Amino acid sequence: MIQDVTIRYVNGRYEVQVDLEIDADRDYELFTALGYKTSLDENWQLIDLHLTKGGRQRIKFKSDGKPLEIQIDPEYRVPQINLDNNTWVEGSK
């Protein structure tokens, strides 16, 4: 689940930090993606994720536009059984 999103504008680009919390009874290997949109009517821009442990993890990336929506697994690569809080939208907390 997405725990926190921090966006900073630095030298003409946006530096984005996404904190994920993986609540699991053991470490799992998960291949998925983190998607973001800088406009709500555009296609997802994808960053491949290879997660191999439970607990808190931090993903960092840079973008020319300010991300307005961020989602774990926007193409539904893995079963969505227990993937709560996997979307962040600007202005939400």
C-alpha atoms as a PDB file:
ATOM      1  CA  MET A   1       0.000   0.000   0.000  1.00  0.00           C
ATOM      2  CA  ILE A   2       1.070   3.577  -0.608  1.00  0.00           C
ATOM      3  CA  GLN A   3       1.926   5.151   2.747  1.00  0.00           C
ATOM      4  CA  ASP A   4       3.220   8.553   1.668  1.00  0.00           C
ATOM      5  CA  VAL A   5       4.099  10.593  -1.430  1.00  0.00           C
ATOM      6  CA  THR A   6       6.505  13.536  -1.420  1.00  0.00           C
ATOM      7  CA  ILE A   7       6.927  15.736  -4.498  1.00  0.00           C
ATOM      8  CA  ARG A   8       9.550  18.482  -4.774  1.00  0.00           C
ATOM      9  CA  TYR A   9      10.284  20.789  -7.685  1.00  0.00           C
ATOM     10  CA  VAL A  10      14.078  20.942  -8.140  1.00  0.00           C
ATOM     11  CA  ASN A  11      15.994  22.449 -11.086  1.00  0.00           C
ATOM     12  CA  GLY A  12      13.050  22.331 -13.489  1.00  0.00           C
ATOM     13  CA  ARG A  13      11.971  18.748 -12.704  1.00  0.00           C
ATOM     14  CA  TYR A  14       9.857  17.016 -10.115  1.00  0.00           C
ATOM     15  CA  GLU A  15      11.574  14.665  -7.668  1.00  0.00           C
ATOM     16  CA  VAL A  16       9.064  12.137  -6.412  1.00  0.00           C
ATOM     17  CA  GLN A  17       9.390   9.826  -3.439  1.00  0.00           C
ATOM     18  CA  VAL A  18       6.793   7.101  -2.859  1.00  0.00           C
ATOM     19  CA  ASP A  19       6.822   5.158   0.409  1.00  0.00           C
ATOM     20  CA  LEU A  20       5.277   1.700   0.161  1.00  0.00           C
ATOM     21  CA  GLU A  21       4.324  -0.601   3.019  1.00  0.00           C
ATOM     22  CA  ILE A  22       4.121  -4.295   2.214  1.00  0.00           C
ATOM     23  CA  ASP A  23       2.203  -6.141   4.915  1.00  0.00           C
ATOM     24  CA  ALA A  24       3.059  -9.816   4.550  1.00  0.00           C
ATOM     25  CA  ASP A  25       3.826 -12.761   6.792  1.00  0.00           C
ATOM     26  CA  ARG A  26       7.078 -13.371   4.898  1.00  0.00           C
ATOM     27  CA  ASP A  27       9.173 -11.909   2.084  1.00  0.00           C
ATOM     28  CA  TYR A  28       7.667 -12.308  -1.374  1.00  0.00           C
ATOM     29  CA  GLU A  29       9.149 -11.661  -4.798  1.00  0.00           C
ATOM     30  CA  LEU A  30       6.798  -9.418  -6.749  1.00  0.00           C
ATOM     31  CA  PHE A  31       7.257  -8.117 -10.316  1.00  0.00           C
ATOM     32  CA  THR A  32       4.897  -5.241 -11.046  1.00  0.00           C
ATOM     33  CA  ALA A  33       4.989  -1.536 -11.880  1.00  0.00           C
ATOM     34  CA  LEU A  34       4.437   1.830 -10.302  1.00  0.00           C
ATOM     35  CA  GLY A  35       2.431   4.045 -12.636  1.00  0.00           C
ATOM     36  CA  TYR A  36       1.964   7.789 -12.586  1.00  0.00           C
ATOM     37  CA  LYS A  37       0.064  10.381 -14.576  1.00  0.00           C
ATOM     38  CA  THR A  38       0.887  14.065 -14.922  1.00  0.00           C
ATOM     39  CA  SER A  39      -2.564  14.629 -16.456  1.00  0.00           C
ATOM     40  CA  LEU A  40      -5.598  12.582 -15.440  1.00  0.00           C
ATOM     41  CA  ASP A  41      -6.549  11.848 -19.083  1.00  0.00           C
ATOM     42  CA  GLU A  42      -3.104  10.604 -20.224  1.00  0.00           C
ATOM     43  CA  ASN A  43      -1.774   7.044 -20.296  1.00  0.00           C
ATOM     44  CA  TRP A  44       0.169   5.671 -17.354  1.00  0.00           C
ATOM     45  CA  GLN A  45       3.917   6.253 -17.322  1.00  0.00           C
ATOM     46  CA  LEU A  46       5.357   3.059 -15.854  1.00  0.00           C
ATOM     47  CA  ILE A  47       8.340   2.296 -13.669  1.00  0.00           C
ATOM     48  CA  ASP A  48       9.099  -1.419 -13.308  1.00  0.00           C
ATOM     49  CA  LEU A  49       9.186  -2.625  -9.710  1.00  0.00           C
ATOM     50  CA  HIS A  50      10.885  -5.723  -8.415  1.00  0.00           C
ATOM     51  CA  LEU A  51       9.970  -5.994  -4.757  1.00  0.00           C
ATOM     52  CA  THR A  52      11.562  -8.774  -2.738  1.00  0.00           C
ATOM     53  CA  LYS A  53      10.759  -8.047   0.880  1.00  0.00           C
ATOM     54  CA  GLY A  54       7.972  -7.074   3.200  1.00  0.00           C
ATOM     55  CA  GLY A  55       7.933  -3.885   5.242  1.00  0.00           C
ATOM     56  CA  ARG A  56       8.523  -0.292   4.216  1.00  0.00           C
ATOM     57  CA  GLN A  57      10.218   0.525   0.911  1.00  0.00           C
ATOM     58  CA  ARG A  58      10.976   3.819  -0.826  1.00  0.00           C
ATOM     59  CA  ILE A  59      10.775   4.371  -4.587  1.00  0.00           C
ATOM     60  CA  LYS A  60      12.287   7.547  -6.082  1.00  0.00           C
ATOM     61  CA  PHE A  61      11.921   8.906  -9.606  1.00  0.00           C
ATOM     62  CA  LYS A  62      12.065  12.183 -11.548  1.00  0.00           C
ATOM     63  CA  SER A  63       9.404  13.575 -13.859  1.00  0.00           C
ATOM     64  CA  ASP A  64       9.139  16.574 -16.174  1.00  0.00           C
ATOM     65  CA  GLY A  65       5.498  17.058 -15.136  1.00  0.00           C
ATOM     66  CA  LYS A  66       3.996  17.009 -11.658  1.00  0.00           C
ATOM     67  CA  PRO A  67       2.418  13.614 -10.911  1.00  0.00           C
ATOM     68  CA  LEU A  68      -1.281  13.973 -10.112  1.00  0.00           C
ATOM     69  CA  GLU A  69      -2.028  10.265  -9.684  1.00  0.00           C
ATOM     70  CA  ILE A  70       0.223   7.377  -8.641  1.00  0.00           C
ATOM     71  CA  GLN A  71      -0.821   3.733  -8.574  1.00  0.00           C
ATOM     72  CA  ILE A  72       0.791   0.413  -7.799  1.00  0.00           C
ATOM     73  CA  ASP A  73       0.215  -2.106 -10.580  1.00  0.00           C
ATOM     74  CA  PRO A  74      -1.963   0.016 -12.918  1.00  0.00           C
ATOM     75  CA  GLU A  75      -1.965  -2.758 -15.550  1.00  0.00           C
ATOM     76  CA  TYR A  76      -3.099  -5.400 -13.034  1.00  0.00           C
ATOM     77  CA  ARG A  77      -0.121  -7.736 -13.457  1.00  0.00           C
ATOM     78  CA  VAL A  78      -0.687  -9.379 -10.071  1.00  0.00           C
ATOM     79  CA  PRO A  79      -3.916 -10.518  -8.409  1.00  0.00           C
ATOM     80  CA  GLN A  80      -5.658  -7.618  -6.671  1.00  0.00           C
ATOM     81  CA  ILE A  81      -6.781  -9.693  -3.696  1.00  0.00           C
ATOM     82  CA  ASN A  82      -5.181  -7.782  -0.827  1.00  0.00           C
ATOM     83  CA  LEU A  83      -3.813  -4.684  -2.542  1.00  0.00           C
ATOM     84  CA  ASP A  84      -5.461  -1.961  -0.454  1.00  0.00           C
ATOM     85  CA  ASN A  85      -4.554   1.706  -0.730  1.00  0.00           C
ATOM     86  CA  ASN A  86      -2.696   1.202  -3.996  1.00  0.00           C
ATOM     87  CA  THR A  87      -3.672   4.584  -5.514  1.00  0.00           C
ATOM     88  CA  TRP A  88      -2.647   8.092  -4.531  1.00  0.00           C
ATOM     89  CA  VAL A  89      -4.333  11.183  -6.024  1.00  0.00           C
ATOM     90  CA  GLU A  90      -3.050  14.713  -5.453  1.00  0.00           C
ATOM     91  CA  GLY A  91      -4.940  16.362  -2.637  1.00  0.00           C
ATOM     92  CA  SER A  92      -5.832  13.074  -0.955  1.00  0.00           C
ATOM     93  CA  LYS A  93      -4.403  11.886   2.323  1.00  0.00           C
END
